[in-house]
Amino acid sequence: MQTALMLIDVQESFRHRPYWNEEELPRFLARTNALIEGCRRRGVPIVRILHADGPEVAGNPFSRTSGHVRPLQGLAGYGPAAEFVKSRHSALVGTGLPVWLHQHGIRRLMIAGIRTEQCCETTARHASDEGYEVDYVTEATLTFAMTQPDGSVLSPRELMLRTETVLKDRFATLCTVEQALERAQ
């Protein structure tokens, strides 16, 4: 089965958000860079997905005019097989990604990127509903603490566990970097 890595929203825009936290960044970059390198060695296409929306003003880090809608510093360099810019949570909405996947015979997607419970999870659910086999590589995702309606805070690790709980065996296969790369063979 032809596999591709979807590298979602791994971009500088997040460094300019009030919730940005460097604490989890070294782990995320190490695991994501290992995934990129493994895909490169195996010839697995890597698709870069960037997020741009909101007003086109320099002060909006997700506007193209800000200069921040570009790969995150510290991410391993790679030549993407394709690049798409999205303005919705799912990378499959409003982009040419579905057509590209079909044209290249891709049936399995490895999902990695920023934010674990938002664009990565939404893309995984959408892809599953569209009939793709999804390998969700949680250790190659990044997120930030969130405040619940009752005022308590969910840590990034708690958000990752929540995402794994709702995706496992329903929308995706949970994989380590090594497991995802092995499945891509």
C-alpha atoms as a PDB file:
ATOM      1  CA  MET A   1       0.000   0.000   0.000  1.00  0.00           C
ATOM      2  CA  GLN A   2       1.443   3.365  -1.021  1.00  0.00           C
ATOM      3  CA  THR A   3       2.083   5.589   2.016  1.00  0.00           C
ATOM      4  CA  ALA A   4       2.788   9.308   2.438  1.00  0.00           C
ATOM      5  CA  LEU A   5       3.747  11.405   5.451  1.00  0.00           C
ATOM      6  CA  MET A   6       1.465  14.377   6.100  1.00  0.00           C
ATOM      7  CA  LEU A   7       3.536  16.934   8.000  1.00  0.00           C
ATOM      8  CA  ILE A   8       0.850  19.318   9.237  1.00  0.00           C
ATOM      9  CA  ASP A   9       1.396  22.944  10.315  1.00  0.00           C
ATOM     10  CA  VAL A  10       4.991  22.567  11.497  1.00  0.00           C
ATOM     11  CA  GLN A  11       5.519  26.288  11.040  1.00  0.00           C
ATOM     12  CA  GLU A  12       6.982  29.380  12.648  1.00  0.00           C
ATOM     13  CA  SER A  13       3.516  30.930  13.148  1.00  0.00           C
ATOM     14  CA  PHE A  14       3.123  29.079  16.444  1.00  0.00           C
ATOM     15  CA  ARG A  15       6.173  30.733  18.004  1.00  0.00           C
ATOM     16  CA  HIS A  16       4.200  33.987  17.857  1.00  0.00           C
ATOM     17  CA  ARG A  17       1.122  32.748  19.725  1.00  0.00           C
ATOM     18  CA  PRO A  18       0.665  33.490  23.457  1.00  0.00           C
ATOM     19  CA  TYR A  19       0.421  29.774  24.331  1.00  0.00           C
ATOM     20  CA  TRP A  20       3.762  28.831  22.683  1.00  0.00           C
ATOM     21  CA  ASN A  21       5.944  26.813  25.035  1.00  0.00           C
ATOM     22  CA  GLU A  22       9.450  25.565  24.225  1.00  0.00           C
ATOM     23  CA  GLU A  23       9.326  22.791  26.838  1.00  0.00           C
ATOM     24  CA  GLU A  24       8.116  20.017  24.508  1.00  0.00           C
ATOM     25  CA  LEU A  25       9.912  21.340  21.415  1.00  0.00           C
ATOM     26  CA  PRO A  26      13.179  19.306  21.677  1.00  0.00           C
ATOM     27  CA  ARG A  27      11.250  16.007  21.976  1.00  0.00           C
ATOM     28  CA  PHE A  28       8.941  16.958  19.115  1.00  0.00           C
ATOM     29  CA  LEU A  29      11.757  18.011  16.795  1.00  0.00           C
ATOM     30  CA  ALA A  30      13.828  14.903  17.579  1.00  0.00           C
ATOM     31  CA  ARG A  31      10.962  12.525  16.824  1.00  0.00           C
ATOM     32  CA  THR A  32       9.671  14.473  13.820  1.00  0.00           C
ATOM     33  CA  ASN A  33      13.152  14.750  12.328  1.00  0.00           C
ATOM     34  CA  ALA A  34      13.626  10.983  12.820  1.00  0.00           C
ATOM     35  CA  LEU A  35      10.344  10.419  10.968  1.00  0.00           C
ATOM     36  CA  ILE A  36      11.394  12.743   8.141  1.00  0.00           C
ATOM     37  CA  GLU A  37      14.791  11.059   7.826  1.00  0.00           C
ATOM     38  CA  GLY A  38      13.204   7.596   7.856  1.00  0.00           C
ATOM     39  CA  CYS A  39      10.772   8.603   5.124  1.00  0.00           C
ATOM     40  CA  ARG A  40      13.566  10.105   3.051  1.00  0.00           C
ATOM     41  CA  ARG A  41      15.637   6.892   3.330  1.00  0.00           C
ATOM     42  CA  ARG A  42      12.655   4.753   2.344  1.00  0.00           C
ATOM     43  CA  GLY A  43      11.428   6.971  -0.481  1.00  0.00           C
ATOM     44  CA  VAL A  44       8.141   7.738   1.296  1.00  0.00           C
ATOM     45  CA  PRO A  45       6.743  11.017  -0.066  1.00  0.00           C
ATOM     46  CA  ILE A  46       6.525  13.832   2.476  1.00  0.00           C
ATOM     47  CA  VAL A  47       3.706  16.320   2.039  1.00  0.00           C
ATOM     48  CA  ARG A  48       4.116  19.721   3.681  1.00  0.00           C
ATOM     49  CA  ILE A  49       0.874  21.287   4.903  1.00  0.00           C
ATOM     50  CA  LEU A  50       0.969  24.877   6.142  1.00  0.00           C
ATOM     51  CA  HIS A  51      -1.872  26.843   7.727  1.00  0.00           C
ATOM     52  CA  ALA A  52      -2.756  30.398   6.705  1.00  0.00           C
ATOM     53  CA  ASP A  53      -5.890  32.298   7.686  1.00  0.00           C
ATOM     54  CA  GLY A  54      -7.223  35.424   9.316  1.00  0.00           C
ATOM     55  CA  PRO A  55      -6.568  38.967   8.243  1.00  0.00           C
ATOM     56  CA  GLU A  56      -3.663  39.484   5.852  1.00  0.00           C
ATOM     57  CA  VAL A  57      -1.737  41.798   8.148  1.00  0.00           C
ATOM     58  CA  ALA A  58       1.820  41.484   9.423  1.00  0.00           C
ATOM     59  CA  GLY A  59       0.611  41.214  13.042  1.00  0.00           C
ATOM     60  CA  ASN A  60      -1.307  37.984  12.341  1.00  0.00           C
ATOM     61  CA  PRO A  61       1.284  35.160  12.530  1.00  0.00           C
ATOM     62  CA  PHE A  62      -0.933  32.939  10.348  1.00  0.00           C
ATOM     63  CA  SER A  63      -1.118  35.451   7.492  1.00  0.00           C
ATOM     64  CA  ARG A  64       1.242  34.983   4.592  1.00  0.00           C
ATOM     65  CA  THR A  65       2.302  38.627   4.899  1.00  0.00           C
ATOM     66  CA  SER A  66       3.666  37.959   8.413  1.00  0.00           C
ATOM     67  CA  GLY A  67       6.521  35.874   7.034  1.00  0.00           C
ATOM     68  CA  HIS A  68       5.808  33.158   9.627  1.00  0.00           C
ATOM     69  CA  VAL A  69       3.913  30.733   7.374  1.00  0.00           C
ATOM     70  CA  ARG A  70       7.085  28.750   6.724  1.00  0.00           C
ATOM     71  CA  PRO A  71       8.709  25.623   8.192  1.00  0.00           C
ATOM     72  CA  LEU A  72       9.600  25.694  11.884  1.00  0.00           C
ATOM     73  CA  GLN A  73      13.250  26.410  12.652  1.00  0.00           C
ATOM     74  CA  GLY A  74      14.965  23.198  13.745  1.00  0.00           C
ATOM     75  CA  LEU A  75      12.918  20.996  11.437  1.00  0.00           C
ATOM     76  CA  ALA A  76      15.068  18.776   9.228  1.00  0.00           C
ATOM     77  CA  GLY A  77      15.333  20.021   5.676  1.00  0.00           C
ATOM     78  CA  TYR A  78      13.540  18.010   3.028  1.00  0.00           C
ATOM     79  CA  GLY A  79      12.176  18.502  -0.442  1.00  0.00           C
ATOM     80  CA  PRO A  80       8.423  18.022  -0.127  1.00  0.00           C
ATOM     81  CA  ALA A  81       6.720  15.810  -2.699  1.00  0.00           C
ATOM     82  CA  ALA A  82       3.913  18.392  -2.543  1.00  0.00           C
ATOM     83  CA  GLU A  83       3.010  21.443  -0.494  1.00  0.00           C
ATOM     84  CA  PHE A  84      -0.451  22.748   0.318  1.00  0.00           C
ATOM     85  CA  VAL A  85      -1.666  25.733   2.284  1.00  0.00           C
ATOM     86  CA  LYS A  86      -4.904  25.204   4.163  1.00  0.00           C
ATOM     87  CA  SER A  87      -7.271  27.533   5.975  1.00  0.00           C
ATOM     88  CA  ARG A  88      -9.368  24.877   7.715  1.00  0.00           C
ATOM     89  CA  HIS A  89      -8.540  22.310  10.388  1.00  0.00           C
ATOM     90  CA  SER A  90      -8.514  19.334   8.017  1.00  0.00           C
ATOM     91  CA  ALA A  91      -5.759  19.292   5.416  1.00  0.00           C
ATOM     92  CA  LEU A  92      -8.254  17.576   3.102  1.00  0.00           C
ATOM     93  CA  VAL A  93     -10.583  20.608   2.919  1.00  0.00           C
ATOM     94  CA  GLY A  94     -10.034  23.417   0.442  1.00  0.00           C
ATOM     95  CA  THR A  95      -6.660  22.166  -0.784  1.00  0.00           C
ATOM     96  CA  GLY A  96      -5.542  20.081  -3.728  1.00  0.00           C
ATOM     97  CA  LEU A  97      -4.395  17.351  -1.348  1.00  0.00           C
ATOM     98  CA  PRO A  98      -7.199  14.844  -2.099  1.00  0.00           C
ATOM     99  CA  VAL A  99      -6.490  15.068  -5.828  1.00  0.00           C
ATOM    100  CA  TRP A 100      -2.739  14.702  -5.276  1.00  0.00           C
ATOM    101  CA  LEU A 101      -3.240  11.650  -3.047  1.00  0.00           C
ATOM    102  CA  HIS A 102      -5.507  10.025  -5.636  1.00  0.00           C
ATOM    103  CA  GLN A 103      -3.127  10.787  -8.518  1.00  0.00           C
ATOM    104  CA  HIS A 104      -0.240   9.199  -6.611  1.00  0.00           C
ATOM    105  CA  GLY A 105      -2.145   6.118  -5.435  1.00  0.00           C
ATOM    106  CA  ILE A 106      -1.697   6.967  -1.750  1.00  0.00           C
ATOM    107  CA  ARG A 107      -3.928   4.876   0.529  1.00  0.00           C
ATOM    108  CA  ARG A 108      -2.100   5.141   3.874  1.00  0.00           C
ATOM    109  CA  LEU A 109      -1.293   8.417   5.618  1.00  0.00           C
ATOM    110  CA  MET A 110       1.191   8.955   8.407  1.00  0.00           C
ATOM    111  CA  ILE A 111      -0.016  11.986  10.390  1.00  0.00           C
ATOM    112  CA  ALA A 112       2.414  14.203  12.323  1.00  0.00           C
ATOM    113  CA  GLY A 113       2.671  17.908  13.157  1.00  0.00           C
ATOM    114  CA  ILE A 114       1.173  20.704  15.243  1.00  0.00           C
ATOM    115  CA  ARG A 115      -1.446  20.684  17.067  1.00  0.00           C
ATOM    116  CA  THR A 116      -2.072  17.138  18.235  1.00  0.00           C
ATOM    117  CA  GLU A 117      -5.765  17.572  19.109  1.00  0.00           C
ATOM    118  CA  GLN A 118      -6.646  20.097  16.454  1.00  0.00           C
ATOM    119  CA  CYS A 119      -5.411  19.974  12.856  1.00  0.00           C
ATOM    120  CA  CYS A 120      -3.616  16.631  13.179  1.00  0.00           C
ATOM    121  CA  GLU A 121      -6.571  14.876  14.815  1.00  0.00           C
ATOM    122  CA  THR A 122      -9.112  16.502  12.486  1.00  0.00           C
ATOM    123  CA  THR A 123      -7.136  15.448   9.414  1.00  0.00           C
ATOM    124  CA  ALA A 124      -6.816  11.905  10.787  1.00  0.00           C
ATOM    125  CA  ARG A 125     -10.568  11.610  11.380  1.00  0.00           C
ATOM    126  CA  HIS A 126     -11.401  13.090   7.985  1.00  0.00           C
ATOM    127  CA  ALA A 127      -8.908  10.833   6.204  1.00  0.00           C
ATOM    128  CA  SER A 128     -10.331   7.768   7.950  1.00  0.00           C
ATOM    129  CA  ASP A 129     -13.858   8.766   6.925  1.00  0.00           C
ATOM    130  CA  GLU A 130     -12.602   9.102   3.333  1.00  0.00           C
ATOM    131  CA  GLY A 131     -11.283   5.524   3.414  1.00  0.00           C
ATOM    132  CA  TYR A 132      -7.573   6.122   4.012  1.00  0.00           C
ATOM    133  CA  GLU A 133      -5.626   3.945   6.413  1.00  0.00           C
ATOM    134  CA  VAL A 134      -4.206   6.332   9.014  1.00  0.00           C
ATOM    135  CA  ASP A 135      -1.081   5.877  11.115  1.00  0.00           C
ATOM    136  CA  TYR A 136      -1.135   8.525  13.850  1.00  0.00           C
ATOM    137  CA  VAL A 137       2.380   9.240  15.104  1.00  0.00           C
ATOM    138  CA  THR A 138       1.603  10.995  18.392  1.00  0.00           C
ATOM    139  CA  GLU A 139       5.239  11.315  19.455  1.00  0.00           C
ATOM    140  CA  ALA A 140       5.807  13.399  16.299  1.00  0.00           C
ATOM    141  CA  THR A 141       3.004  15.804  17.218  1.00  0.00           C
ATOM    142  CA  LEU A 142       3.097  18.895  19.401  1.00  0.00           C
ATOM    143  CA  THR A 143       0.447  20.742  21.352  1.00  0.00           C
ATOM    144  CA  PHE A 144       0.090  23.212  24.191  1.00  0.00           C
ATOM    145  CA  ALA A 145      -1.764  23.319  27.519  1.00  0.00           C
ATOM    146  CA  MET A 146      -5.453  24.217  27.311  1.00  0.00           C
ATOM    147  CA  THR A 147      -7.933  25.450  29.909  1.00  0.00           C
ATOM    148  CA  GLN A 148     -11.125  23.421  30.216  1.00  0.00           C
ATOM    149  CA  PRO A 149     -14.556  25.037  30.717  1.00  0.00           C
ATOM    150  CA  ASP A 150     -14.331  24.324  34.471  1.00  0.00           C
ATOM    151  CA  GLY A 151     -11.049  26.268  34.662  1.00  0.00           C
ATOM    152  CA  SER A 152      -8.766  23.270  35.108  1.00  0.00           C
ATOM    153  CA  VAL A 153      -5.810  22.938  32.773  1.00  0.00           C
ATOM    154  CA  LEU A 154      -5.023  19.997  30.511  1.00  0.00           C
ATOM    155  CA  SER A 155      -1.303  19.495  29.952  1.00  0.00           C
ATOM    156  CA  PRO A 156       0.095  18.693  26.508  1.00  0.00           C
ATOM    157  CA  ARG A 157       0.579  15.073  27.638  1.00  0.00           C
ATOM    158  CA  GLU A 158      -3.059  14.841  28.777  1.00  0.00           C
ATOM    159  CA  LEU A 159      -4.225  16.244  25.444  1.00  0.00           C
ATOM    160  CA  MET A 160      -2.092  13.688  23.615  1.00  0.00           C
ATOM    161  CA  LEU A 161      -3.569  10.847  25.675  1.00  0.00           C
ATOM    162  CA  ARG A 162      -7.080  12.145  25.012  1.00  0.00           C
ATOM    163  CA  THR A 163      -6.376  12.276  21.281  1.00  0.00           C
ATOM    164  CA  GLU A 164      -4.956   8.757  21.289  1.00  0.00           C
ATOM    165  CA  THR A 165      -8.017   7.533  23.201  1.00  0.00           C
ATOM    166  CA  VAL A 166     -10.512   8.877  20.685  1.00  0.00           C
ATOM    167  CA  LEU A 167      -8.518   7.873  17.582  1.00  0.00           C
ATOM    168  CA  LYS A 168      -7.316   4.370  18.576  1.00  0.00           C
ATOM    169  CA  ASP A 169      -8.968   1.552  16.655  1.00  0.00           C
ATOM    170  CA  ARG A 170     -11.683   3.874  15.323  1.00  0.00           C
ATOM    171  CA  PHE A 171      -9.926   6.413  13.141  1.00  0.00           C
ATOM    172  CA  ALA A 172      -6.247   5.459  13.240  1.00  0.00           C
ATOM    173  CA  THR A 173      -3.551   3.041  14.232  1.00  0.00           C
ATOM    174  CA  LEU A 174      -1.359   4.611  16.912  1.00  0.00           C
ATOM    175  CA  CYS A 175       2.299   4.286  15.965  1.00  0.00           C
ATOM    176  CA  THR A 176       5.713   5.233  17.199  1.00  0.00           C
ATOM    177  CA  VAL A 177       8.029   6.700  14.588  1.00  0.00           C
ATOM    178  CA  GLU A 178       9.650   3.305  14.123  1.00  0.00           C
ATOM    179  CA  GLN A 179       6.318   1.479  13.818  1.00  0.00           C
ATOM    180  CA  ALA A 180       5.013   3.957  11.228  1.00  0.00           C
ATOM    181  CA  LEU A 181       8.173   3.610   9.170  1.00  0.00           C
ATOM    182  CA  GLU A 182       7.982  -0.187   9.355  1.00  0.00           C
ATOM    183  CA  ARG A 183       4.334  -0.122   8.227  1.00  0.00           C
ATOM    184  CA  ALA A 184       5.307   2.078   5.276  1.00  0.00           C
ATOM    185  CA  GLN A 185       7.463  -0.706   3.787  1.00  0.00           C
END
